[in-house]
Amino acid sequence: MRRAVIGFIRSLGTTHPNSQVVLNNYIALLLDLGRTENEIKAQLLELVQWLHQNGSS
């Protein structure tokens, strides 16, 4: 799922309104999977760092 989120955000850019929708849905999915708040924050931090290092629009 993370790869799909990265691909979507890279294609639209981080400032596109749908990118926020995708992130919100990703967070909801992680919650449904039983991830803790700290686990979700860690995964989002990794995602942001990856996008920063590898470029996004």
PDB file of N, CA and C in Angstrom:
ATOM      1  N   MET A   1       0.827  -1.192   0.000  1.00  0.00           N
ATOM      2  CA  MET A   1       0.000   0.000   0.000  1.00  0.00           C
ATOM      3  C   MET A   1       0.872   1.257   0.000  1.00  0.00           C
ATOM      4  N   ARG A   2       1.985   1.200   0.724  1.00  0.00           N
ATOM      5  CA  ARG A   2       2.854   2.369   0.795  1.00  0.00           C
ATOM      6  C   ARG A   2       3.371   2.758  -0.583  1.00  0.00           C
ATOM      7  N   ARG A   3       3.697   1.765  -1.393  1.00  0.00           N
ATOM      8  CA  ARG A   3       4.167   2.054  -2.754  1.00  0.00           C
ATOM      9  C   ARG A   3       3.103   2.779  -3.562  1.00  0.00           C
ATOM     10  N   ALA A   4       1.860   2.398  -3.378  1.00  0.00           N
ATOM     11  CA  ALA A   4       0.760   3.064  -4.091  1.00  0.00           C
ATOM     12  C   ALA A   4       0.621   4.519  -3.628  1.00  0.00           C
ATOM     13  N   VAL A   5       0.740   4.738  -2.336  1.00  0.00           N
ATOM     14  CA  VAL A   5       0.652   6.098  -1.798  1.00  0.00           C
ATOM     15  C   VAL A   5       1.787   6.952  -2.361  1.00  0.00           C
ATOM     16  N   ILE A   6       2.993   6.414  -2.352  1.00  0.00           N
ATOM     17  CA  ILE A   6       4.149   7.141  -2.883  1.00  0.00           C
ATOM     18  C   ILE A   6       3.938   7.465  -4.358  1.00  0.00           C
ATOM     19  N   GLY A   7       3.508   6.493  -5.133  1.00  0.00           N
ATOM     20  CA  GLY A   7       3.282   6.710  -6.563  1.00  0.00           C
ATOM     21  C   GLY A   7       2.237   7.776  -6.825  1.00  0.00           C
ATOM     22  N   PHE A   8       1.173   7.743  -6.061  1.00  0.00           N
ATOM     23  CA  PHE A   8       0.100   8.708  -6.240  1.00  0.00           C
ATOM     24  C   PHE A   8       0.577  10.113  -5.913  1.00  0.00           C
ATOM     25  N   ILE A   9       1.239  10.264  -4.780  1.00  0.00           N
ATOM     26  CA  ILE A   9       1.699  11.587  -4.360  1.00  0.00           C
ATOM     27  C   ILE A   9       2.785  12.114  -5.300  1.00  0.00           C
ATOM     28  N   ARG A  10       3.648  11.240  -5.752  1.00  0.00           N
ATOM     29  CA  ARG A  10       4.678  11.681  -6.704  1.00  0.00           C
ATOM     30  C   ARG A  10       4.052  12.143  -8.011  1.00  0.00           C
ATOM     31  N   SER A  11       2.996  11.490  -8.450  1.00  0.00           N
ATOM     32  CA  SER A  11       2.396  11.866  -9.728  1.00  0.00           C
ATOM     33  C   SER A  11       1.608  13.172  -9.640  1.00  0.00           C
ATOM     34  N   LEU A  12       0.972  13.421  -8.503  1.00  0.00           N
ATOM     35  CA  LEU A  12       0.164  14.635  -8.364  1.00  0.00           C
ATOM     36  C   LEU A  12       0.919  15.775  -7.694  1.00  0.00           C
ATOM     37  N   GLY A  13       1.874  15.446  -6.863  1.00  0.00           N
ATOM     38  CA  GLY A  13       2.581  16.458  -6.084  1.00  0.00           C
ATOM     39  C   GLY A  13       2.011  16.557  -4.681  1.00  0.00           C
ATOM     40  N   THR A  14       2.824  17.000  -3.779  1.00  0.00           N
ATOM     41  CA  THR A  14       2.428  17.043  -2.373  1.00  0.00           C
ATOM     42  C   THR A  14       1.375  18.109  -2.070  1.00  0.00           C
ATOM     43  N   THR A  15       1.256  19.111  -2.928  1.00  0.00           N
ATOM     44  CA  THR A  15       0.306  20.191  -2.651  1.00  0.00           C
ATOM     45  C   THR A  15      -1.070  19.962  -3.277  1.00  0.00           C
ATOM     46  N   HIS A  16      -1.213  18.933  -4.075  1.00  0.00           N
ATOM     47  CA  HIS A  16      -2.504  18.645  -4.710  1.00  0.00           C
ATOM     48  C   HIS A  16      -3.506  18.200  -3.636  1.00  0.00           C
ATOM     49  N   PRO A  17      -4.741  18.701  -3.700  1.00  0.00           N
ATOM     50  CA  PRO A  17      -5.750  18.338  -2.685  1.00  0.00           C
ATOM     51  C   PRO A  17      -5.974  16.827  -2.568  1.00  0.00           C
ATOM     52  N   ASN A  18      -5.903  16.109  -3.667  1.00  0.00           N
ATOM     53  CA  ASN A  18      -6.124  14.661  -3.594  1.00  0.00           C
ATOM     54  C   ASN A  18      -4.998  13.936  -2.881  1.00  0.00           C
ATOM     55  N   SER A  19      -3.823  14.538  -2.825  1.00  0.00           N
ATOM     56  CA  SER A  19      -2.721  13.923  -2.078  1.00  0.00           C
ATOM     57  C   SER A  19      -3.069  13.858  -0.594  1.00  0.00           C
ATOM     58  N   GLN A  20      -3.715  14.887  -0.091  1.00  0.00           N
ATOM     59  CA  GLN A  20      -4.142  14.883   1.318  1.00  0.00           C
ATOM     60  C   GLN A  20      -5.210  13.819   1.555  1.00  0.00           C
ATOM     61  N   VAL A  21      -6.107  13.665   0.608  1.00  0.00           N
ATOM     62  CA  VAL A  21      -7.141  12.632   0.718  1.00  0.00           C
ATOM     63  C   VAL A  21      -6.485  11.250   0.784  1.00  0.00           C
ATOM     64  N   VAL A  22      -5.504  11.030  -0.073  1.00  0.00           N
ATOM     65  CA  VAL A  22      -4.797   9.746  -0.088  1.00  0.00           C
ATOM     66  C   VAL A  22      -4.118   9.499   1.260  1.00  0.00           C
ATOM     67  N   LEU A  23      -3.457  10.516   1.797  1.00  0.00           N
ATOM     68  CA  LEU A  23      -2.798  10.358   3.096  1.00  0.00           C
ATOM     69  C   LEU A  23      -3.802  10.062   4.207  1.00  0.00           C
ATOM     70  N   ASN A  24      -4.926  10.758   4.183  1.00  0.00           N
ATOM     71  CA  ASN A  24      -5.959  10.494   5.192  1.00  0.00           C
ATOM     72  C   ASN A  24      -6.486   9.066   5.089  1.00  0.00           C
ATOM     73  N   ASN A  25      -6.692   8.594   3.878  1.00  0.00           N
ATOM     74  CA  ASN A  25      -7.158   7.216   3.682  1.00  0.00           C
ATOM     75  C   ASN A  25      -6.094   6.210   4.128  1.00  0.00           C
ATOM     76  N   TYR A  26      -4.834   6.527   3.875  1.00  0.00           N
ATOM     77  CA  TYR A  26      -3.736   5.659   4.303  1.00  0.00           C
ATOM     78  C   TYR A  26      -3.696   5.568   5.827  1.00  0.00           C
ATOM     79  N   ILE A  27      -3.865   6.698   6.488  1.00  0.00           N
ATOM     80  CA  ILE A  27      -3.895   6.707   7.956  1.00  0.00           C
ATOM     81  C   ILE A  27      -5.068   5.877   8.468  1.00  0.00           C
ATOM     82  N   ALA A  28      -6.233   6.041   7.850  1.00  0.00           N
ATOM     83  CA  ALA A  28      -7.414   5.268   8.254  1.00  0.00           C
ATOM     84  C   ALA A  28      -7.175   3.773   8.070  1.00  0.00           C
ATOM     85  N   LEU A  29      -6.530   3.401   6.970  1.00  0.00           N
ATOM     86  CA  LEU A  29      -6.217   1.995   6.725  1.00  0.00           C
ATOM     87  C   LEU A  29      -5.273   1.461   7.804  1.00  0.00           C
ATOM     88  N   LEU A  30      -4.245   2.219   8.136  1.00  0.00           N
ATOM     89  CA  LEU A  30      -3.304   1.786   9.166  1.00  0.00           C
ATOM     90  C   LEU A  30      -4.004   1.625  10.514  1.00  0.00           C
ATOM     91  N   LEU A  31      -4.923   2.538  10.827  1.00  0.00           N
ATOM     92  CA  LEU A  31      -5.702   2.410  12.058  1.00  0.00           C
ATOM     93  C   LEU A  31      -6.555   1.140  12.037  1.00  0.00           C
ATOM     94  N   ASP A  32      -7.197   0.877  10.905  1.00  0.00           N
ATOM     95  CA  ASP A  32      -8.025  -0.326  10.763  1.00  0.00           C
ATOM     96  C   ASP A  32      -7.192  -1.597  10.903  1.00  0.00           C
ATOM     97  N   LEU A  33      -5.924  -1.501  10.510  1.00  0.00           N
ATOM     98  CA  LEU A  33      -5.024  -2.652  10.632  1.00  0.00           C
ATOM     99  C   LEU A  33      -4.470  -2.814  12.045  1.00  0.00           C
ATOM    100  N   GLY A  34      -4.850  -1.890  12.917  1.00  0.00           N
ATOM    101  CA  GLY A  34      -4.446  -2.002  14.314  1.00  0.00           C
ATOM    102  C   GLY A  34      -3.120  -1.343  14.650  1.00  0.00           C
ATOM    103  N   ARG A  35      -2.616  -0.496  13.772  1.00  0.00           N
ATOM    104  CA  ARG A  35      -1.360   0.194  14.059  1.00  0.00           C
ATOM    105  C   ARG A  35      -1.587   1.229  15.147  1.00  0.00           C
ATOM    106  N   THR A  36      -0.586   1.413  15.987  1.00  0.00           N
ATOM    107  CA  THR A  36      -0.676   2.421  17.043  1.00  0.00           C
ATOM    108  C   THR A  36      -0.385   3.793  16.451  1.00  0.00           C
ATOM    109  N   GLU A  37      -0.693   4.831  17.214  1.00  0.00           N
ATOM    110  CA  GLU A  37      -0.426   6.189  16.760  1.00  0.00           C
ATOM    111  C   GLU A  37       1.065   6.384  16.494  1.00  0.00           C
ATOM    112  N   ASN A  38       1.905   5.839  17.358  1.00  0.00           N
ATOM    113  CA  ASN A  38       3.353   5.972  17.165  1.00  0.00           C
ATOM    114  C   ASN A  38       3.834   5.232  15.922  1.00  0.00           C
ATOM    115  N   GLU A  39       3.263   4.060  15.646  1.00  0.00           N
ATOM    116  CA  GLU A  39       3.631   3.315  14.440  1.00  0.00           C
ATOM    117  C   GLU A  39       3.220   4.093  13.181  1.00  0.00           C
ATOM    118  N   ILE A  40       2.041   4.700  13.235  1.00  0.00           N
ATOM    119  CA  ILE A  40       1.565   5.477  12.091  1.00  0.00           C
ATOM    120  C   ILE A  40       2.450   6.694  11.876  1.00  0.00           C
ATOM    121  N   LYS A  41       2.790   7.388  12.954  1.00  0.00           N
ATOM    122  CA  LYS A  41       3.675   8.551  12.832  1.00  0.00           C
ATOM    123  C   LYS A  41       5.018   8.147  12.234  1.00  0.00           C
ATOM    124  N   ALA A  42       5.549   7.009  12.651  1.00  0.00           N
ATOM    125  CA  ALA A  42       6.831   6.532  12.127  1.00  0.00           C
ATOM    126  C   ALA A  42       6.721   6.223  10.636  1.00  0.00           C
ATOM    127  N   GLN A  43       5.627   5.589  10.225  1.00  0.00           N
ATOM    128  CA  GLN A  43       5.451   5.271   8.813  1.00  0.00           C
ATOM    129  C   GLN A  43       5.278   6.534   7.977  1.00  0.00           C
ATOM    130  N   LEU A  44       4.558   7.516   8.502  1.00  0.00           N
ATOM    131  CA  LEU A  44       4.389   8.776   7.777  1.00  0.00           C
ATOM    132  C   LEU A  44       5.712   9.531   7.675  1.00  0.00           C
ATOM    133  N   LEU A  45       6.504   9.496   8.736  1.00  0.00           N
ATOM    134  CA  LEU A  45       7.816  10.136   8.700  1.00  0.00           C
ATOM    135  C   LEU A  45       8.699   9.488   7.639  1.00  0.00           C
ATOM    136  N   GLU A  46       8.706   8.161   7.576  1.00  0.00           N
ATOM    137  CA  GLU A  46       9.466   7.453   6.543  1.00  0.00           C
ATOM    138  C   GLU A  46       8.983   7.855   5.146  1.00  0.00           C
ATOM    139  N   LEU A  47       7.685   7.956   4.984  1.00  0.00           N
ATOM    140  CA  LEU A  47       7.102   8.333   3.702  1.00  0.00           C
ATOM    141  C   LEU A  47       7.551   9.741   3.294  1.00  0.00           C
ATOM    142  N   VAL A  48       7.469  10.681   4.220  1.00  0.00           N
ATOM    143  CA  VAL A  48       7.870  12.058   3.936  1.00  0.00           C
ATOM    144  C   VAL A  48       9.363  12.127   3.613  1.00  0.00           C
ATOM    145  N   GLN A  49      10.170  11.412   4.380  1.00  0.00           N
ATOM    146  CA  GLN A  49      11.613  11.411   4.137  1.00  0.00           C
ATOM    147  C   GLN A  49      11.922  10.825   2.773  1.00  0.00           C
ATOM    148  N   TRP A  50      11.257   9.750   2.402  1.00  0.00           N
ATOM    149  CA  TRP A  50      11.482   9.131   1.100  1.00  0.00           C
ATOM    150  C   TRP A  50      11.115  10.093  -0.018  1.00  0.00           C
ATOM    151  N   LEU A  51       9.956  10.746   0.123  1.00  0.00           N
ATOM    152  CA  LEU A  51       9.528  11.700  -0.905  1.00  0.00           C
ATOM    153  C   LEU A  51      10.504  12.866  -1.011  1.00  0.00           C
ATOM    154  N   HIS A  52      11.002  13.316   0.123  1.00  0.00           N
ATOM    155  CA  HIS A  52      11.963  14.433   0.112  1.00  0.00           C
ATOM    156  C   HIS A  52      13.271  14.022  -0.556  1.00  0.00           C
ATOM    157  N   GLN A  53      13.751  12.834  -0.250  1.00  0.00           N
ATOM    158  CA  GLN A  53      15.022  12.363  -0.796  1.00  0.00           C
ATOM    159  C   GLN A  53      14.920  12.019  -2.276  1.00  0.00           C
ATOM    160  N   ASN A  54      13.786  11.526  -2.705  1.00  0.00           N
ATOM    161  CA  ASN A  54      13.624  11.039  -4.070  1.00  0.00           C
ATOM    162  C   ASN A  54      12.820  11.974  -4.953  1.00  0.00           C
ATOM    163  N   GLY A  55      12.407  13.057  -4.393  1.00  0.00           N
ATOM    164  CA  GLY A  55      11.703  14.065  -5.186  1.00  0.00           C
ATOM    165  C   GLY A  55      10.235  13.779  -5.364  1.00  0.00           C
ATOM    166  N   SER A  56       9.479  14.815  -5.266  1.00  0.00           N
ATOM    167  CA  SER A  56       8.055  14.797  -5.603  1.00  0.00           C
ATOM    168  C   SER A  56       7.723  16.177  -6.127  1.00  0.00           C
ATOM    169  N   SER A  57       6.662  16.278  -6.869  1.00  0.00           N
ATOM    170  CA  SER A  57       6.302  17.570  -7.485  1.00  0.00           C
ATOM    171  C   SER A  57       5.859  18.569  -6.443  1.00  0.00           C
TER     172      SER A  57
END
